[in-house]
Amino acid sequence: MSAALPWSLEECRALIGEWRTLRATMVGLAQRHPERIAAADPSHAASALNLMHYLAMRRVDVRALQARLTILGLSSLGRSEPHVLASVDKVLGLLHAIAGLPWRALHDDEPVGVRRGSALLERNAEALFGPSPEGRRVRIMVTLPSEAATEPARAVSLVAAGMDIARINCAHDDAAAWQAMAAHVRAAAVAAGRPVRVLTDLGGPKLRTGPIEPGPAILKLQPRRDLRGVVVEPARLGVYPAGARREVPGADAAVGVDADWLAGLQDGDIVDCVDTRSARRRFTVTSRADGAALLETRKTVYLGAQTQLQQRRREHNGPITHPSDLPEPPARIRLQRGDRLRLTEDGVGRAAGGERQPA
């Protein structure tokens, strides 16, 4: 064979070595955990071992190997789940045949062969989901909503529409609701004259967190810029009398201010501030209407409750106010690599005091 061909001896031998390594990993995982196989029902022991082999294979990124098998015209093991180890061995056998190398079939340690694996899968699926309806192989499973516990008509309509399996999600509702759902489904199935399975999906362990102390209320205003960073539209801040909590037409965001301070604003006035980053910023009053005003700025501004907004007119300093009704930020605790997060039974979550201390 020519070395330029995709099934060259060098490529086949390389693949044989890599697939043997993968096979050893699959067999080794099952050998290290015999207790997991023993924990399965004896009738499912072969399937449990096959599952261990599958999990071992999925721990490895075999996409590059699969692509190389496809180039050779061999199976990429894309549908090998019912018989994982047997599929790997068949690929190994074909690679040996292509390379002209001797091959001894490795069947003794294969829990599930190709034919037997498909039969087992069909048998177990029927035991779990019931027989396939006449005219189709697939079953229709529907997750019941909470309302199915109090509305029997929902089960009736679902059964009439072709539901073969009702799934109860035990991560929601309670035992009384689950029992009511099952009763409604069984009654609907009897009325329809056909079997409908009821499966309960048990909820796994969960971690429920309580309220987190909100951070400081900060409003960020940012002008729009083009791809070059040039401002194409200023940021617009609406101001209204404190406590009114109203929208200001044309504003990106709005805050409350002292009513007398607001009444003294005129179009063209300047409003200076030093924002929460100690950056000096300037707004221009562009309009007033209906007891509110619109201010514009061409720089990014961070406003906090302690930020001073000072009127300026013809270079003369005017009165000062502070913004109120600032939006509350989403509650969060910022964690960095190496931090510790302490979980408590009650109380309000809060970040650690000081920089880089465990939370």
Protein backbone atom coordinates (compact mmCIF):
# COMPACT_ATOMS: atom_id res chain seq x y z
CA MET A 1 0.00 0.00 0.00
CA SER A 2 1.15 3.50 -0.76
CA ALA A 3 2.15 5.66 2.22
CA ALA A 4 0.10 8.49 0.69
CA LEU A 5 -3.17 6.58 1.07
CA PRO A 6 -5.30 7.27 4.17
CA TRP A 7 -5.11 3.58 5.15
CA SER A 8 -1.31 3.45 5.22
CA LEU A 9 0.32 0.98 7.59
CA GLU A 10 1.72 3.83 9.68
CA GLU A 11 -1.72 5.39 10.19
CA CYS A 12 -3.38 2.05 10.97
CA ARG A 13 -0.73 1.10 13.51
CA ALA A 14 -0.95 4.51 15.14
CA LEU A 15 -4.72 4.17 15.44
CA ILE A 16 -4.41 0.65 16.82
CA GLY A 17 -2.14 1.92 19.59
CA GLU A 18 -4.46 4.79 20.49
CA TRP A 19 -7.61 2.65 20.47
CA ARG A 20 -5.90 0.00 22.61
CA THR A 21 -5.05 2.73 25.13
CA LEU A 22 -8.68 3.87 25.12
CA ARG A 23 -9.86 0.27 25.55
CA ALA A 24 -7.54 -0.23 28.52
CA THR A 25 -8.96 2.94 30.10
CA MET A 26 -12.52 1.65 29.68
CA VAL A 27 -11.77 -1.78 31.14
CA GLY A 28 -9.65 -0.30 33.93
CA LEU A 29 -12.42 1.98 35.21
CA ALA A 30 -14.80 -0.94 35.62
CA GLN A 31 -12.11 -3.05 37.31
CA ARG A 32 -11.41 -0.28 39.84
CA HIS A 33 -15.08 -0.02 40.87
CA PRO A 34 -16.52 -3.53 41.14
CA GLU A 35 -18.77 -2.39 43.98
CA ARG A 36 -20.75 -0.21 41.59
CA ILE A 37 -21.40 -3.15 39.31
CA ALA A 38 -22.37 -5.34 42.27
CA ALA A 39 -24.84 -2.68 43.47
CA ALA A 40 -26.94 -3.14 40.33
CA ASP A 41 -29.72 -5.68 40.13
CA PRO A 42 -28.25 -8.98 38.85
CA SER A 43 -30.49 -8.82 35.77
CA HIS A 44 -28.81 -5.52 34.84
CA ALA A 45 -25.22 -6.46 35.70
CA ALA A 46 -24.12 -6.59 32.05
CA SER A 47 -25.79 -3.26 31.33
CA ALA A 48 -24.12 -1.69 34.39
CA LEU A 49 -20.72 -2.83 33.17
CA ASN A 50 -21.48 -1.48 29.71
CA LEU A 51 -22.40 1.84 31.30
CA MET A 52 -19.06 1.96 33.09
CA HIS A 53 -17.26 1.43 29.79
CA TYR A 54 -19.34 4.16 28.17
CA LEU A 55 -18.61 6.65 30.98
CA ALA A 56 -14.89 5.93 30.69
CA MET A 57 -14.97 6.56 26.94
CA ARG A 58 -16.91 9.82 27.40
CA ARG A 59 -14.23 11.12 29.75
CA VAL A 60 -11.84 11.23 26.81
CA ASP A 61 -12.15 13.61 23.86
CA VAL A 62 -12.15 11.08 21.01
CA ARG A 63 -13.32 13.44 18.27
CA ALA A 64 -9.94 13.51 16.52
CA LEU A 65 -9.77 9.70 16.61
CA GLN A 66 -13.33 9.45 15.29
CA ALA A 67 -12.46 11.75 12.38
CA ARG A 68 -9.48 9.56 11.47
CA LEU A 69 -11.67 6.45 11.53
CA THR A 70 -14.18 8.14 9.24
CA ILE A 71 -11.41 8.88 6.72
CA LEU A 72 -10.65 5.15 6.71
CA GLY A 73 -14.32 4.36 6.11
CA LEU A 74 -14.72 2.77 9.54
CA SER A 75 -17.34 3.31 12.24
CA SER A 76 -16.78 6.37 14.40
CA LEU A 77 -18.69 4.72 17.29
CA GLY A 78 -21.38 7.36 17.10
CA ARG A 79 -24.12 4.83 17.97
CA SER A 80 -22.16 2.45 20.17
CA GLU A 81 -23.98 3.12 23.45
CA PRO A 82 -25.71 -0.31 23.71
CA HIS A 83 -22.42 -2.21 23.15
CA VAL A 84 -19.46 0.10 23.77
CA LEU A 85 -16.61 -2.34 24.28
CA ALA A 86 -17.78 -4.66 21.51
CA SER A 87 -17.80 -1.70 19.09
CA VAL A 88 -14.26 -0.71 20.08
CA ASP A 89 -13.10 -4.30 19.52
CA LYS A 90 -14.70 -4.47 16.08
CA VAL A 91 -12.87 -1.30 15.05
CA LEU A 92 -9.62 -2.75 16.39
CA GLY A 93 -10.19 -5.95 14.44
CA LEU A 94 -10.81 -4.06 11.21
CA LEU A 95 -7.70 -1.93 11.72
CA HIS A 96 -5.64 -5.09 12.16
CA ALA A 97 -7.15 -6.56 8.98
CA ILE A 98 -6.39 -3.41 6.97
CA ALA A 99 -2.81 -3.38 8.25
CA GLY A 100 -2.39 -7.14 7.63
CA LEU A 101 -1.70 -7.80 11.31
CA PRO A 102 -2.84 -10.88 13.24
CA TRP A 103 -5.93 -10.39 15.39
CA ARG A 104 -7.49 -12.41 18.18
CA ALA A 105 -11.08 -11.55 19.00
CA LEU A 106 -11.50 -10.19 22.54
CA HIS A 107 -14.95 -11.40 23.53
CA ASP A 108 -14.39 -12.79 27.00
CA ASP A 109 -14.52 -9.39 28.71
CA GLU A 110 -17.26 -7.86 26.56
CA PRO A 111 -20.40 -7.59 28.66
CA VAL A 112 -22.74 -6.79 25.77
CA GLY A 113 -22.31 -7.73 22.11
CA VAL A 114 -23.75 -5.79 19.21
CA ARG A 115 -26.81 -8.02 18.72
CA ARG A 116 -27.39 -8.64 22.41
CA GLY A 117 -26.91 -4.98 23.26
CA SER A 118 -29.66 -3.83 20.93
CA ALA A 119 -31.99 -6.52 22.27
CA LEU A 120 -31.23 -5.54 25.87
CA LEU A 121 -31.87 -1.90 25.09
CA GLU A 122 -35.23 -2.71 23.54
CA ARG A 123 -36.16 -5.00 26.44
CA ASN A 124 -35.23 -2.45 29.11
CA ALA A 125 -36.97 0.38 27.25
CA GLU A 126 -40.17 -1.65 27.09
CA ALA A 127 -39.93 -2.54 30.79
CA LEU A 128 -39.53 1.13 31.71
CA PHE A 129 -41.73 2.91 29.17
CA GLY A 130 -44.15 0.17 28.22
CA PRO A 131 -44.68 -1.39 24.77
CA SER A 132 -44.54 0.85 21.71
CA PRO A 133 -47.95 2.05 20.54
CA GLU A 134 -49.30 0.50 17.38
CA GLY A 135 -48.03 2.28 14.29
CA ARG A 136 -44.98 3.95 15.84
CA ARG A 137 -41.82 2.98 17.74
CA VAL A 138 -41.49 6.06 19.91
CA ARG A 139 -43.44 6.85 23.06
CA ILE A 140 -44.72 10.32 23.88
CA MET A 141 -43.69 11.45 27.37
CA VAL A 142 -45.19 14.64 28.81
CA THR A 143 -43.99 16.43 31.95
CA LEU A 144 -47.07 17.36 33.95
CA PRO A 145 -47.46 20.97 35.12
CA SER A 146 -48.41 21.80 38.69
CA GLU A 147 -51.98 22.47 37.55
CA ALA A 148 -52.40 18.77 36.68
CA ALA A 149 -52.82 18.08 40.42
CA THR A 150 -55.98 20.19 40.67
CA GLU A 151 -57.33 20.03 37.11
CA PRO A 152 -58.24 16.45 36.08
CA ALA A 153 -59.21 17.69 32.61
CA ARG A 154 -55.54 18.29 31.81
CA ALA A 155 -54.76 14.59 32.12
CA VAL A 156 -57.82 13.72 30.02
CA SER A 157 -56.76 16.06 27.20
CA LEU A 158 -53.15 14.83 27.27
CA VAL A 159 -54.17 11.18 27.09
CA ALA A 160 -56.59 11.96 24.27
CA ALA A 161 -53.75 13.73 22.41
CA GLY A 162 -51.57 10.60 22.54
CA MET A 163 -49.56 10.81 25.77
CA ASP A 164 -48.05 7.40 26.56
CA ILE A 165 -46.06 8.38 29.66
CA ALA A 166 -46.78 11.05 32.26
CA ARG A 167 -43.64 12.40 33.91
CA ILE A 168 -43.95 13.90 37.38
CA ASN A 169 -41.05 16.20 38.22
CA CYS A 170 -40.48 15.78 41.95
CA ALA A 171 -38.27 18.85 42.02
CA HIS A 172 -41.56 20.79 42.20
CA ASP A 173 -44.78 20.56 44.23
CA ASP A 174 -45.18 17.98 47.02
CA ALA A 175 -46.19 14.36 47.68
CA ALA A 176 -49.91 15.19 47.85
CA ALA A 177 -49.76 16.93 44.46
CA TRP A 178 -47.78 14.05 42.91
CA GLN A 179 -50.33 11.56 44.19
CA ALA A 180 -53.19 13.61 42.74
CA MET A 181 -51.45 13.88 39.35
CA ALA A 182 -50.94 10.11 39.20
CA ALA A 183 -54.56 9.44 40.15
CA HIS A 184 -55.85 11.77 37.44
CA VAL A 185 -53.63 10.17 34.79
CA ARG A 186 -54.68 6.65 35.75
CA ALA A 187 -58.37 7.63 35.68
CA ALA A 188 -57.93 9.22 32.25
CA ALA A 189 -56.13 6.12 30.97
CA VAL A 190 -58.96 3.84 32.15
CA ALA A 191 -61.52 6.09 30.47
CA ALA A 192 -59.51 6.03 27.23
CA GLY A 193 -59.11 2.26 27.38
CA ARG A 194 -55.35 2.17 26.92
CA PRO A 195 -52.30 1.97 29.24
CA VAL A 196 -50.45 5.15 30.25
CA ARG A 197 -47.32 4.89 32.39
CA VAL A 198 -46.63 7.31 35.28
CA LEU A 199 -42.94 7.96 35.93
CA THR A 200 -41.62 10.09 38.78
CA ASP A 201 -38.35 11.93 38.28
CA LEU A 202 -36.82 12.15 41.75
CA GLY A 203 -35.26 15.49 42.64
CA GLY A 204 -31.53 15.41 43.35
CA PRO A 205 -29.67 17.30 46.09
CA LYS A 206 -30.09 21.06 45.90
CA LEU A 207 -28.56 24.10 47.49
CA ARG A 208 -31.05 26.86 48.24
CA THR A 209 -29.66 30.29 49.07
CA GLY A 210 -31.46 33.06 50.86
CA PRO A 211 -31.41 36.85 50.45
CA ILE A 212 -28.15 38.67 49.83
CA GLU A 213 -27.44 42.13 51.19
CA PRO A 214 -27.78 44.60 48.30
CA GLY A 215 -24.78 46.60 47.29
CA PRO A 216 -24.63 50.39 47.04
CA ALA A 217 -27.13 51.93 44.64
CA ILE A 218 -25.15 53.14 41.63
CA LEU A 219 -26.41 54.50 38.31
CA LYS A 220 -24.13 54.19 35.31
CA LEU A 221 -24.75 56.49 32.34
CA GLN A 222 -22.84 55.81 29.14
CA PRO A 223 -23.00 57.63 25.80
CA ARG A 224 -23.25 55.65 22.58
CA ARG A 225 -20.05 55.40 20.55
CA ASP A 226 -19.22 54.14 17.07
CA LEU A 227 -16.62 51.49 16.29
CA ARG A 228 -13.86 54.11 16.53
CA GLY A 229 -14.97 55.14 20.00
CA VAL A 230 -16.41 58.48 18.87
CA VAL A 231 -19.56 59.59 20.71
CA VAL A 232 -22.53 59.49 18.35
CA GLU A 233 -25.23 60.07 20.96
CA PRO A 234 -24.87 61.58 24.46
CA ALA A 235 -26.12 59.92 27.62
CA ARG A 236 -29.35 61.50 28.86
CA LEU A 237 -30.30 61.80 32.54
CA GLY A 238 -33.83 62.70 33.58
CA VAL A 239 -34.40 64.45 36.93
CA TYR A 240 -37.69 64.79 38.77
CA PRO A 241 -38.75 65.85 42.31
CA ALA A 242 -37.41 63.31 44.83
CA GLY A 243 -39.97 60.65 45.73
CA ALA A 244 -42.06 61.08 42.58
CA ARG A 245 -40.46 58.04 40.87
CA ARG A 246 -41.49 58.82 37.31
CA GLU A 247 -40.14 58.36 33.85
CA VAL A 248 -38.71 61.34 31.97
CA PRO A 249 -39.33 61.21 28.19
CA GLY A 250 -36.09 60.88 26.22
CA ALA A 251 -33.98 59.92 29.25
CA ASP A 252 -31.81 56.80 29.45
CA ALA A 253 -32.45 56.79 33.20
CA ALA A 254 -34.04 59.11 35.74
CA VAL A 255 -33.32 60.04 39.38
CA GLY A 256 -34.95 62.18 42.00
CA VAL A 257 -33.49 65.55 43.10
CA ASP A 258 -34.46 68.30 45.50
CA ALA A 259 -37.63 69.99 44.20
CA ASP A 260 -36.33 73.55 44.81
CA TRP A 261 -33.02 72.70 43.08
CA LEU A 262 -34.97 71.36 40.11
CA ALA A 263 -37.20 74.42 39.96
CA GLY A 264 -34.12 76.63 39.59
CA LEU A 265 -32.81 74.85 36.48
CA GLN A 266 -32.93 76.60 33.11
CA ASP A 267 -32.17 75.38 29.60
CA GLY A 268 -28.45 75.68 28.93
CA ASP A 269 -27.42 75.47 32.59
CA ILE A 270 -24.40 73.34 33.50
CA VAL A 271 -24.52 70.69 36.24
CA ASP A 272 -21.12 69.61 37.56
CA CYS A 273 -20.33 66.57 39.67
CA VAL A 274 -17.51 64.34 40.86
CA ASP A 275 -18.77 60.81 40.32
CA THR A 276 -18.17 57.71 42.42
CA ARG A 277 -14.76 57.16 40.73
CA SER A 278 -13.66 60.71 41.62
CA ALA A 279 -13.96 61.63 37.94
CA ARG A 280 -15.13 65.19 37.19
CA ARG A 281 -18.17 65.16 34.94
CA ARG A 282 -20.45 67.79 33.43
CA PHE A 283 -24.07 67.74 32.30
CA THR A 284 -25.92 70.29 30.17
CA VAL A 285 -29.61 71.01 30.75
CA THR A 286 -31.28 70.54 27.35
CA SER A 287 -34.99 70.77 28.18
CA ARG A 288 -37.60 71.20 30.90
CA ALA A 289 -41.19 69.99 30.85
CA ASP A 290 -43.93 68.87 33.25
CA GLY A 291 -41.86 69.48 36.37
CA ALA A 292 -38.86 67.46 35.13
CA ALA A 293 -35.65 68.20 33.24
CA LEU A 294 -33.39 66.42 30.79
CA LEU A 295 -29.58 66.58 31.17
CA GLU A 296 -26.98 65.37 28.67
CA THR A 297 -23.34 64.33 28.99
CA ARG A 298 -20.80 63.01 26.50
CA LYS A 299 -18.79 61.03 29.06
CA THR A 300 -19.52 57.97 31.16
CA VAL A 301 -20.77 58.86 34.64
CA TYR A 302 -21.34 56.78 37.80
CA LEU A 303 -23.83 58.44 40.17
CA GLY A 304 -24.21 57.41 43.82
CA ALA A 305 -26.31 58.68 46.71
CA GLN A 306 -23.39 60.85 47.93
CA THR A 307 -22.66 62.39 44.53
CA GLN A 308 -23.08 66.19 44.60
CA LEU A 309 -24.86 67.76 41.64
CA GLN A 310 -24.06 71.48 41.49
CA GLN A 311 -25.74 74.02 39.25
CA ARG A 312 -23.50 76.41 37.34
CA ARG A 313 -24.71 79.40 35.35
CA ARG A 314 -22.35 81.85 33.67
CA GLU A 315 -19.45 80.40 35.68
CA HIS A 316 -21.23 81.07 38.98
CA ASN A 317 -21.70 78.22 41.40
CA GLY A 318 -25.29 77.47 42.31
CA PRO A 319 -27.09 75.20 44.79
CA ILE A 320 -26.24 71.52 45.33
CA THR A 321 -28.43 68.42 45.48
CA HIS A 322 -27.88 64.68 45.69
CA PRO A 323 -29.56 62.05 43.46
CA SER A 324 -32.15 59.78 45.04
CA ASP A 325 -34.31 56.87 43.87
CA LEU A 326 -31.20 55.29 42.38
CA PRO A 327 -31.73 51.78 40.96
CA GLU A 328 -30.74 48.99 43.33
CA PRO A 329 -28.10 46.73 41.81
CA PRO A 330 -28.72 42.96 41.71
CA ALA A 331 -27.66 41.34 44.97
CA ARG A 332 -24.41 39.45 44.55
CA ILE A 333 -21.22 38.41 46.33
CA ARG A 334 -18.14 38.70 44.17
CA LEU A 335 -15.76 35.77 44.60
CA GLN A 336 -12.27 35.35 43.22
CA ARG A 337 -10.04 32.32 42.92
CA GLY A 338 -8.85 31.28 46.38
CA ASP A 339 -11.74 32.92 48.29
CA ARG A 340 -13.81 30.93 50.76
CA LEU A 341 -17.60 31.06 50.80
CA ARG A 342 -19.19 30.37 54.19
CA LEU A 343 -22.71 28.89 54.17
CA THR A 344 -24.96 29.55 57.17
CA GLU A 345 -28.43 28.31 58.08
CA ASP A 346 -29.96 31.78 58.43
CA GLY A 347 -29.23 35.47 58.11
CA VAL A 348 -28.51 37.69 55.13
CA GLY A 349 -25.62 36.97 52.81
CA ARG A 350 -22.97 39.64 52.58
CA ALA A 351 -19.52 40.11 51.15
CA ALA A 352 -16.49 39.93 53.40
CA GLY A 353 -15.32 43.17 54.97
CA GLY A 354 -12.14 44.53 53.43
CA GLU A 355 -10.32 43.50 50.29
CA ARG A 356 -9.63 39.84 49.46
CA GLN A 357 -10.82 38.42 52.76
CA PRO A 358 -12.73 35.14 52.89
CA ALA A 359 -16.50 35.47 52.50
